[in-house]
Amino acid sequence: MAGKLVVDTDLLVGLGGRLRAVADEFHHAQRNADEIAGAIGHADTAAKMRTFASDWDDRREKMLDSIAAVADATKGVGGTFSNLDTDLGRSMRGEK
C-alpha cells in the first residue's frame, strides 16, 4: 500500500520567518518596555511596568531560545524538503 507525503515547504519556510520575528520581539521586549514606561505619565505605573519587564527576563530568555530554535528548525525542514523535491524531480527526469 503506497502512501502520499505532502509537505507545504513555502508554509514551513514562511512560518520559520514569522517565528523569527516573534523571537526578535522577545529579544527587544525590555527596550520596548522601557520606551513605553518612559511615555507613561504616572511614575508609579511606569515603575511597575519596568519591574514587570525586568522580573521576567529569565523566563523570556528561555522562551526566546526555544522560539528561535523552532524558527530555525522549521525553516530548515522546509528548505530540506524543497531541495529533496527538486533533487527527486531531477533524478526522475534523468538529470544530474
PDB file of N, CA and C in Angstrom:
ATOM      1  N   MET A   1       0.856  -1.170   0.000  1.00  0.00           N
ATOM      2  CA  MET A   1       0.000   0.000   0.000  1.00  0.00           C
ATOM      3  C   MET A   1       0.907   1.241   0.000  1.00  0.00           C
ATOM      4  N   ALA A   2       0.769   2.065  -1.007  1.00  0.00           N
ATOM      5  CA  ALA A   2       1.581   3.270  -1.145  1.00  0.00           C
ATOM      6  C   ALA A   2       0.916   4.432  -0.430  1.00  0.00           C
ATOM      7  N   GLY A   3       1.735   5.218   0.246  1.00  0.00           N
ATOM      8  CA  GLY A   3       1.237   6.407   0.922  1.00  0.00           C
ATOM      9  C   GLY A   3       1.653   7.646   0.160  1.00  0.00           C
ATOM     10  N   LYS A   4       1.202   8.748   0.649  1.00  0.00           N
ATOM     11  CA  LYS A   4       1.499  10.009  -0.025  1.00  0.00           C
ATOM     12  C   LYS A   4       1.940  11.004   1.043  1.00  0.00           C
ATOM     13  N   LEU A   5       3.056  11.636   0.802  1.00  0.00           N
ATOM     14  CA  LEU A   5       3.567  12.655   1.706  1.00  0.00           C
ATOM     15  C   LEU A   5       3.454  14.004   1.007  1.00  0.00           C
ATOM     16  N   VAL A   6       2.727  14.905   1.625  1.00  0.00           N
ATOM     17  CA  VAL A   6       2.575  16.252   1.076  1.00  0.00           C
ATOM     18  C   VAL A   6       3.127  17.229   2.110  1.00  0.00           C
ATOM     19  N   VAL A   7       4.098  18.018   1.695  1.00  0.00           N
ATOM     20  CA  VAL A   7       4.712  18.993   2.588  1.00  0.00           C
ATOM     21  C   VAL A   7       4.631  20.360   1.914  1.00  0.00           C
ATOM     22  N   ASP A   8       4.011  21.296   2.591  1.00  0.00           N
ATOM     23  CA  ASP A   8       3.934  22.664   2.075  1.00  0.00           C
ATOM     24  C   ASP A   8       5.194  23.400   2.505  1.00  0.00           C
ATOM     25  N   THR A   9       6.220  23.334   1.664  1.00  0.00           N
ATOM     26  CA  THR A   9       7.514  23.906   2.019  1.00  0.00           C
ATOM     27  C   THR A   9       7.461  25.428   2.151  1.00  0.00           C
ATOM     28  N   ASP A  10       6.664  26.083   1.321  1.00  0.00           N
ATOM     29  CA  ASP A  10       6.533  27.542   1.435  1.00  0.00           C
ATOM     30  C   ASP A  10       5.939  27.920   2.785  1.00  0.00           C
ATOM     31  N   LEU A  11       4.959  27.139   3.225  1.00  0.00           N
ATOM     32  CA  LEU A  11       4.342  27.388   4.529  1.00  0.00           C
ATOM     33  C   LEU A  11       5.376  27.234   5.641  1.00  0.00           C
ATOM     34  N   LEU A  12       6.182  26.168   5.581  1.00  0.00           N
ATOM     35  CA  LEU A  12       7.190  25.937   6.611  1.00  0.00           C
ATOM     36  C   LEU A  12       8.233  27.046   6.646  1.00  0.00           C
ATOM     37  N   VAL A  13       8.721  27.422   5.496  1.00  0.00           N
ATOM     38  CA  VAL A  13       9.733  28.479   5.434  1.00  0.00           C
ATOM     39  C   VAL A  13       9.128  29.802   5.922  1.00  0.00           C
ATOM     40  N   GLY A  14       7.910  30.093   5.499  1.00  0.00           N
ATOM     41  CA  GLY A  14       7.235  31.324   5.942  1.00  0.00           C
ATOM     42  C   GLY A  14       6.979  31.327   7.433  1.00  0.00           C
ATOM     43  N   LEU A  15       6.563  30.188   7.961  1.00  0.00           N
ATOM     44  CA  LEU A  15       6.324  30.071   9.395  1.00  0.00           C
ATOM     45  C   LEU A  15       7.616  30.292  10.170  1.00  0.00           C
ATOM     46  N   GLY A  16       8.705  29.734   9.656  1.00  0.00           N
ATOM     47  CA  GLY A  16      10.003  29.954  10.296  1.00  0.00           C
ATOM     48  C   GLY A  16      10.355  31.431  10.347  1.00  0.00           C
ATOM     49  N   GLY A  17      10.077  32.142   9.281  1.00  0.00           N
ATOM     50  CA  GLY A  17      10.334  33.584   9.253  1.00  0.00           C
ATOM     51  C   GLY A  17       9.470  34.348  10.246  1.00  0.00           C
ATOM     52  N   ARG A  18       8.212  33.949  10.348  1.00  0.00           N
ATOM     53  CA  ARG A  18       7.319  34.615  11.307  1.00  0.00           C
ATOM     54  C   ARG A  18       7.717  34.311  12.745  1.00  0.00           C
ATOM     55  N   LEU A  19       8.149  33.083  12.994  1.00  0.00           N
ATOM     56  CA  LEU A  19       8.630  32.735  14.334  1.00  0.00           C
ATOM     57  C   LEU A  19       9.890  33.521  14.675  1.00  0.00           C
ATOM     58  N   ARG A  20      10.731  33.742  13.682  1.00  0.00           N
ATOM     59  CA  ARG A  20      11.939  34.542  13.907  1.00  0.00           C
ATOM     60  C   ARG A  20      11.553  35.965  14.289  1.00  0.00           C
ATOM     61  N   ALA A  21      10.501  36.507  13.667  1.00  0.00           N
ATOM     62  CA  ALA A  21      10.022  37.854  14.014  1.00  0.00           C
ATOM     63  C   ALA A  21       9.519  37.889  15.461  1.00  0.00           C
ATOM     64  N   VAL A  22       8.838  36.824  15.894  1.00  0.00           N
ATOM     65  CA  VAL A  22       8.394  36.732  17.294  1.00  0.00           C
ATOM     66  C   VAL A  22       9.609  36.721  18.215  1.00  0.00           C
ATOM     67  N   ALA A  23      10.619  35.935  17.854  1.00  0.00           N
ATOM     68  CA  ALA A  23      11.840  35.878  18.664  1.00  0.00           C
ATOM     69  C   ALA A  23      12.490  37.259  18.756  1.00  0.00           C
ATOM     70  N   ASP A  24      12.492  38.000  17.658  1.00  0.00           N
ATOM     71  CA  ASP A  24      13.062  39.357  17.669  1.00  0.00           C
ATOM     72  C   ASP A  24      12.281  40.267  18.611  1.00  0.00           C
ATOM     73  N   GLU A  25      10.958  40.139  18.626  1.00  0.00           N
ATOM     74  CA  GLU A  25      10.143  40.938  19.545  1.00  0.00           C
ATOM     75  C   GLU A  25      10.483  40.601  20.994  1.00  0.00           C
ATOM     76  N   PHE A  26      10.652  39.322  21.292  1.00  0.00           N
ATOM     77  CA  PHE A  26      11.040  38.917  22.648  1.00  0.00           C
ATOM     78  C   PHE A  26      12.412  39.487  23.000  1.00  0.00           C
ATOM     79  N   HIS A  27      13.313  39.482  22.022  1.00  0.00           N
ATOM     80  CA  HIS A  27      14.664  39.987  22.255  1.00  0.00           C
ATOM     81  C   HIS A  27      14.644  41.473  22.629  1.00  0.00           C
ATOM     82  N   HIS A  28      13.743  42.227  22.011  1.00  0.00           N
ATOM     83  CA  HIS A  28      13.687  43.674  22.245  1.00  0.00           C
ATOM     84  C   HIS A  28      12.627  44.074  23.284  1.00  0.00           C
ATOM     85  N   ALA A  29      12.063  43.113  23.981  1.00  0.00           N
ATOM     86  CA  ALA A  29      10.959  43.403  24.903  1.00  0.00           C
ATOM     87  C   ALA A  29      11.368  44.371  26.014  1.00  0.00           C
ATOM     88  N   GLN A  30      12.546  44.203  26.585  1.00  0.00           N
ATOM     89  CA  GLN A  30      12.975  45.093  27.671  1.00  0.00           C
ATOM     90  C   GLN A  30      13.103  46.526  27.164  1.00  0.00           C
ATOM     91  N   ARG A  31      13.730  46.694  26.003  1.00  0.00           N
ATOM     92  CA  ARG A  31      13.875  48.037  25.434  1.00  0.00           C
ATOM     93  C   ARG A  31      12.498  48.645  25.160  1.00  0.00           C
ATOM     94  N   ASN A  32      11.609  47.835  24.575  1.00  0.00           N
ATOM     95  CA  ASN A  32      10.262  48.329  24.282  1.00  0.00           C
ATOM     96  C   ASN A  32       9.531  48.725  25.557  1.00  0.00           C
ATOM     97  N   ALA A  33       9.677  47.907  26.609  1.00  0.00           N
ATOM     98  CA  ALA A  33       9.023  48.223  27.880  1.00  0.00           C
ATOM     99  C   ALA A  33       9.576  49.516  28.465  1.00  0.00           C
ATOM    100  N   ASP A  34      10.883  49.718  28.367  1.00  0.00           N
ATOM    101  CA  ASP A  34      11.483  50.954  28.870  1.00  0.00           C
ATOM    102  C   ASP A  34      10.966  52.177  28.111  1.00  0.00           C
ATOM    103  N   GLU A  35      10.813  52.028  26.785  1.00  0.00           N
ATOM    104  CA  GLU A  35      10.300  53.138  25.976  1.00  0.00           C
ATOM    105  C   GLU A  35       8.857  53.462  26.348  1.00  0.00           C
ATOM    106  N   ILE A  36       8.061  52.420  26.519  1.00  0.00           N
ATOM    107  CA  ILE A  36       6.652  52.623  26.885  1.00  0.00           C
ATOM    108  C   ILE A  36       6.565  53.226  28.280  1.00  0.00           C
ATOM    109  N   ALA A  37       7.358  52.700  29.203  1.00  0.00           N
ATOM    110  CA  ALA A  37       7.340  53.216  30.577  1.00  0.00           C
ATOM    111  C   ALA A  37       7.709  54.693  30.597  1.00  0.00           C
ATOM    112  N   GLY A  38       8.639  55.084  29.727  1.00  0.00           N
ATOM    113  CA  GLY A  38       9.021  56.483  29.659  1.00  0.00           C
ATOM    114  C   GLY A  38       7.904  57.380  29.157  1.00  0.00           C
ATOM    115  N   ALA A  39       6.978  56.801  28.402  1.00  0.00           N
ATOM    116  CA  ALA A  39       5.863  57.589  27.861  1.00  0.00           C
ATOM    117  C   ALA A  39       4.670  57.647  28.813  1.00  0.00           C
ATOM    118  N   ILE A  40       4.707  56.812  29.848  1.00  0.00           N
ATOM    119  CA  ILE A  40       3.596  56.794  30.801  1.00  0.00           C
ATOM    120  C   ILE A  40       3.760  57.970  31.755  1.00  0.00           C
ATOM    121  N   GLY A  41       2.731  58.728  31.906  1.00  0.00           N
ATOM    122  CA  GLY A  41       2.795  59.924  32.733  1.00  0.00           C
ATOM    123  C   GLY A  41       2.842  59.655  34.225  1.00  0.00           C
ATOM    124  N   HIS A  42       2.321  58.552  34.653  1.00  0.00           N
ATOM    125  CA  HIS A  42       2.253  58.235  36.077  1.00  0.00           C
ATOM    126  C   HIS A  42       3.508  57.457  36.487  1.00  0.00           C
ATOM    127  N   ALA A  43       4.301  58.043  37.389  1.00  0.00           N
ATOM    128  CA  ALA A  43       5.594  57.461  37.761  1.00  0.00           C
ATOM    129  C   ALA A  43       5.444  56.067  38.376  1.00  0.00           C
ATOM    130  N   ASP A  44       4.408  55.869  39.196  1.00  0.00           N
ATOM    131  CA  ASP A  44       4.198  54.569  39.849  1.00  0.00           C
ATOM    132  C   ASP A  44       3.897  53.478  38.813  1.00  0.00           C
ATOM    133  N   THR A  45       3.056  53.810  37.847  1.00  0.00           N
ATOM    134  CA  THR A  45       2.713  52.847  36.795  1.00  0.00           C
ATOM    135  C   THR A  45       3.940  52.535  35.940  1.00  0.00           C
ATOM    136  N   ALA A  46       4.724  53.540  35.607  1.00  0.00           N
ATOM    137  CA  ALA A  46       5.943  53.340  34.823  1.00  0.00           C
ATOM    138  C   ALA A  46       6.920  52.438  35.574  1.00  0.00           C
ATOM    139  N   ALA A  47       7.063  52.644  36.871  1.00  0.00           N
ATOM    140  CA  ALA A  47       7.973  51.827  37.678  1.00  0.00           C
ATOM    141  C   ALA A  47       7.504  50.380  37.721  1.00  0.00           C
ATOM    142  N   LYS A  48       6.196  50.181  37.847  1.00  0.00           N
ATOM    143  CA  LYS A  48       5.658  48.815  37.869  1.00  0.00           C
ATOM    144  C   LYS A  48       5.885  48.125  36.524  1.00  0.00           C
ATOM    145  N   MET A  49       5.767  48.869  35.446  1.00  0.00           N
ATOM    146  CA  MET A  49       5.999  48.279  34.130  1.00  0.00           C
ATOM    147  C   MET A  49       7.453  47.869  33.976  1.00  0.00           C
ATOM    148  N   ARG A  50       8.365  48.727  34.404  1.00  0.00           N
ATOM    149  CA  ARG A  50       9.793  48.394  34.324  1.00  0.00           C
ATOM    150  C   ARG A  50      10.114  47.184  35.200  1.00  0.00           C
ATOM    151  N   THR A  51       9.532  47.120  36.378  1.00  0.00           N
ATOM    152  CA  THR A  51       9.758  45.989  37.286  1.00  0.00           C
ATOM    153  C   THR A  51       9.248  44.699  36.665  1.00  0.00           C
ATOM    154  N   PHE A  52       8.061  44.746  36.110  1.00  0.00           N
ATOM    155  CA  PHE A  52       7.499  43.548  35.477  1.00  0.00           C
ATOM    156  C   PHE A  52       8.407  43.061  34.347  1.00  0.00           C
ATOM    157  N   ALA A  53       8.814  43.965  33.487  1.00  0.00           N
ATOM    158  CA  ALA A  53       9.658  43.597  32.351  1.00  0.00           C
ATOM    159  C   ALA A  53      10.981  43.006  32.826  1.00  0.00           C
ATOM    160  N   SER A  54      11.530  43.579  33.871  1.00  0.00           N
ATOM    161  CA  SER A  54      12.802  43.093  34.401  1.00  0.00           C
ATOM    162  C   SER A  54      12.647  41.737  35.086  1.00  0.00           C
ATOM    163  N   ASP A  55      11.541  41.561  35.814  1.00  0.00           N
ATOM    164  CA  ASP A  55      11.325  40.325  36.581  1.00  0.00           C
ATOM    165  C   ASP A  55      11.184  39.093  35.700  1.00  0.00           C
ATOM    166  N   TRP A  56      10.723  39.245  34.505  1.00  0.00           N
ATOM    167  CA  TRP A  56      10.536  38.048  33.693  1.00  0.00           C
ATOM    168  C   TRP A  56      11.611  37.885  32.633  1.00  0.00           C
ATOM    169  N   ASP A  57      12.751  38.549  32.812  1.00  0.00           N
ATOM    170  CA  ASP A  57      13.878  38.419  31.883  1.00  0.00           C
ATOM    171  C   ASP A  57      14.326  36.972  31.694  1.00  0.00           C
ATOM    172  N   ASP A  58      14.487  36.229  32.796  1.00  0.00           N
ATOM    173  CA  ASP A  58      14.968  34.845  32.692  1.00  0.00           C
ATOM    174  C   ASP A  58      13.996  33.981  31.898  1.00  0.00           C
ATOM    175  N   ARG A  59      12.723  34.091  32.219  1.00  0.00           N
ATOM    176  CA  ARG A  59      11.710  33.290  31.515  1.00  0.00           C
ATOM    177  C   ARG A  59      11.643  33.688  30.037  1.00  0.00           C
ATOM    178  N   ARG A  60      11.695  34.979  29.795  1.00  0.00           N
ATOM    179  CA  ARG A  60      11.648  35.474  28.414  1.00  0.00           C
ATOM    180  C   ARG A  60      12.855  34.960  27.626  1.00  0.00           C
ATOM    181  N   GLU A  61      14.017  34.922  28.262  1.00  0.00           N
ATOM    182  CA  GLU A  61      15.228  34.444  27.595  1.00  0.00           C
ATOM    183  C   GLU A  61      15.086  32.968  27.214  1.00  0.00           C
ATOM    184  N   LYS A  62      14.519  32.161  28.110  1.00  0.00           N
ATOM    185  CA  LYS A  62      14.294  30.746  27.803  1.00  0.00           C
ATOM    186  C   LYS A  62      13.299  30.598  26.652  1.00  0.00           C
ATOM    187  N   MET A  63      12.239  31.395  26.691  1.00  0.00           N
ATOM    188  CA  MET A  63      11.245  31.349  25.620  1.00  0.00           C
ATOM    189  C   MET A  63      11.860  31.809  24.306  1.00  0.00           C
ATOM    190  N   LEU A  64      12.682  32.834  24.361  1.00  0.00           N
ATOM    191  CA  LEU A  64      13.356  33.340  23.163  1.00  0.00           C
ATOM    192  C   LEU A  64      14.215  32.248  22.542  1.00  0.00           C
ATOM    193  N   ASP A  65      14.977  31.551  23.374  1.00  0.00           N
ATOM    194  CA  ASP A  65      15.824  30.469  22.860  1.00  0.00           C
ATOM    195  C   ASP A  65      14.987  29.382  22.202  1.00  0.00           C
ATOM    196  N   SER A  66      13.874  29.019  22.826  1.00  0.00           N
ATOM    197  CA  SER A  66      13.004  27.975  22.276  1.00  0.00           C
ATOM    198  C   SER A  66      12.349  28.412  20.970  1.00  0.00           C
ATOM    199  N   ILE A  67      11.838  29.621  20.943  1.00  0.00           N
ATOM    200  CA  ILE A  67      11.189  30.124  19.726  1.00  0.00           C
ATOM    201  C   ILE A  67      12.196  30.211  18.584  1.00  0.00           C
ATOM    202  N   ALA A  68      13.387  30.700  18.877  1.00  0.00           N
ATOM    203  CA  ALA A  68      14.418  30.813  17.848  1.00  0.00           C
ATOM    204  C   ALA A  68      14.804  29.435  17.317  1.00  0.00           C
ATOM    205  N   ALA A  69      14.897  28.447  18.215  1.00  0.00           N
ATOM    206  CA  ALA A  69      15.243  27.090  17.780  1.00  0.00           C
ATOM    207  C   ALA A  69      14.159  26.503  16.884  1.00  0.00           C
ATOM    208  N   VAL A  70      12.899  26.708  17.245  1.00  0.00           N
ATOM    209  CA  VAL A  70      11.792  26.214  16.421  1.00  0.00           C
ATOM    210  C   VAL A  70      11.766  26.945  15.079  1.00  0.00           C
ATOM    211  N   ALA A  71      12.037  28.245  15.100  1.00  0.00           N
ATOM    212  CA  ALA A  71      12.076  29.020  13.851  1.00  0.00           C
ATOM    213  C   ALA A  71      13.141  28.470  12.916  1.00  0.00           C
ATOM    214  N   ASP A  72      14.334  28.255  13.446  1.00  0.00           N
ATOM    215  CA  ASP A  72      15.426  27.743  12.615  1.00  0.00           C
ATOM    216  C   ASP A  72      15.116  26.334  12.102  1.00  0.00           C
ATOM    217  N   ALA A  73      14.568  25.489  12.978  1.00  0.00           N
ATOM    218  CA  ALA A  73      14.237  24.120  12.571  1.00  0.00           C
ATOM    219  C   ALA A  73      13.148  24.107  11.505  1.00  0.00           C
ATOM    220  N   THR A  74      12.140  24.937  11.677  1.00  0.00           N
ATOM    221  CA  THR A  74      11.031  24.985  10.721  1.00  0.00           C
ATOM    222  C   THR A  74      11.519  25.429   9.348  1.00  0.00           C
ATOM    223  N   LYS A  75      12.320  26.484   9.322  1.00  0.00           N
ATOM    224  CA  LYS A  75      12.874  26.938   8.040  1.00  0.00           C
ATOM    225  C   LYS A  75      13.777  25.864   7.438  1.00  0.00           C
ATOM    226  N   GLY A  76      14.549  25.198   8.285  1.00  0.00           N
ATOM    227  CA  GLY A  76      15.446  24.150   7.807  1.00  0.00           C
ATOM    228  C   GLY A  76      14.703  22.973   7.213  1.00  0.00           C
ATOM    229  N   VAL A  77      13.638  22.539   7.879  1.00  0.00           N
ATOM    230  CA  VAL A  77      12.832  21.422   7.367  1.00  0.00           C
ATOM    231  C   VAL A  77      12.197  21.806   6.035  1.00  0.00           C
ATOM    232  N   GLY A  78      11.644  23.006   5.966  1.00  0.00           N
ATOM    233  CA  GLY A  78      11.039  23.460   4.708  1.00  0.00           C
ATOM    234  C   GLY A  78      12.052  23.502   3.575  1.00  0.00           C
ATOM    235  N   GLY A  79      13.228  24.040   3.864  1.00  0.00           N
ATOM    236  CA  GLY A  79      14.273  24.110   2.850  1.00  0.00           C
ATOM    237  C   GLY A  79      14.772  22.734   2.433  1.00  0.00           C
ATOM    238  N   THR A  80      14.905  21.842   3.397  1.00  0.00           N
ATOM    239  CA  THR A  80      15.375  20.485   3.099  1.00  0.00           C
ATOM    240  C   THR A  80      14.374  19.739   2.226  1.00  0.00           C
ATOM    241  N   PHE A  81      13.091  19.822   2.569  1.00  0.00           N
ATOM    242  CA  PHE A  81      12.075  19.155   1.744  1.00  0.00           C
ATOM    243  C   PHE A  81      12.008  19.761   0.346  1.00  0.00           C
ATOM    244  N   SER A  82      12.176  21.067   0.249  1.00  0.00           N
ATOM    245  CA  SER A  82      12.173  21.723  -1.057  1.00  0.00           C
ATOM    246  C   SER A  82      13.344  21.224  -1.907  1.00  0.00           C
ATOM    247  N   ASN A  83      14.520  21.157  -1.301  1.00  0.00           N
ATOM    248  CA  ASN A  83      15.695  20.651  -2.016  1.00  0.00           C
ATOM    249  C   ASN A  83      15.514  19.186  -2.410  1.00  0.00           C
ATOM    250  N   LEU A  84      14.951  18.396  -1.510  1.00  0.00           N
ATOM    251  CA  LEU A  84      14.711  16.985  -1.792  1.00  0.00           C
ATOM    252  C   LEU A  84      13.753  16.830  -2.967  1.00  0.00           C
ATOM    253  N   ASP A  85      12.700  17.622  -2.975  1.00  0.00           N
ATOM    254  CA  ASP A  85      11.730  17.565  -4.067  1.00  0.00           C
ATOM    255  C   ASP A  85      12.401  17.905  -5.403  1.00  0.00           C
ATOM    256  N   THR A  86      13.227  18.935  -5.391  1.00  0.00           N
ATOM    257  CA  THR A  86      13.947  19.328  -6.607  1.00  0.00           C
ATOM    258  C   THR A  86      14.881  18.207  -7.068  1.00  0.00           C
ATOM    259  N   ASP A  87      15.637  17.643  -6.118  1.00  0.00           N
ATOM    260  CA  ASP A  87      16.576  16.572  -6.459  1.00  0.00           C
ATOM    261  C   ASP A  87      15.856  15.327  -6.973  1.00  0.00           C
ATOM    262  N   LEU A  88      14.739  14.965  -6.342  1.00  0.00           N
ATOM    263  CA  LEU A  88      13.981  13.804  -6.801  1.00  0.00           C
ATOM    264  C   LEU A  88      13.408  14.038  -8.194  1.00  0.00           C
ATOM    265  N   GLY A  89      12.931  15.235  -8.457  1.00  0.00           N
ATOM    266  CA  GLY A  89      12.410  15.570  -9.774  1.00  0.00           C
ATOM    267  C   GLY A  89      13.487  15.457 -10.842  1.00  0.00           C
ATOM    268  N   ARG A  90      14.670  15.963 -10.539  1.00  0.00           N
ATOM    269  CA  ARG A  90      15.793  15.861 -11.484  1.00  0.00           C
ATOM    270  C   ARG A  90      16.164  14.395 -11.725  1.00  0.00           C
ATOM    271  N   SER A  91      16.183  13.629 -10.654  1.00  0.00           N
ATOM    272  CA  SER A  91      16.521  12.218 -10.768  1.00  0.00           C
ATOM    273  C   SER A  91      15.516  11.470 -11.630  1.00  0.00           C
ATOM    274  N   MET A  92      14.244  11.765 -11.444  1.00  0.00           N
ATOM    275  CA  MET A  92      13.194  11.099 -12.216  1.00  0.00           C
ATOM    276  C   MET A  92      13.296  11.461 -13.698  1.00  0.00           C
ATOM    277  N   ARG A  93      13.800  12.664 -13.983  1.00  0.00           N
ATOM    278  CA  ARG A  93      13.964  13.090 -15.377  1.00  0.00           C
ATOM    279  C   ARG A  93      15.311  12.650 -15.949  1.00  0.00           C
ATOM    280  N   GLY A  94      16.123  11.977 -15.140  1.00  0.00           N
ATOM    281  CA  GLY A  94      17.420  11.521 -15.594  1.00  0.00           C
ATOM    282  C   GLY A  94      18.493  12.595 -15.603  1.00  0.00           C
ATOM    283  N   GLU A  95      18.227  13.705 -14.911  1.00  0.00           N
ATOM    284  CA  GLU A  95      19.188  14.801 -14.837  1.00  0.00           C
ATOM    285  C   GLU A  95      20.105  14.594 -13.633  1.00  0.00           C
ATOM    286  N   LYS A  96      21.223  15.274 -13.666  1.00  0.00           N
ATOM    287  CA  LYS A  96      22.133  15.202 -12.516  1.00  0.00           C
ATOM    288  C   LYS A  96      22.078  16.426 -11.687  1.00  0.00           C
TER     289      LYS A  96
END
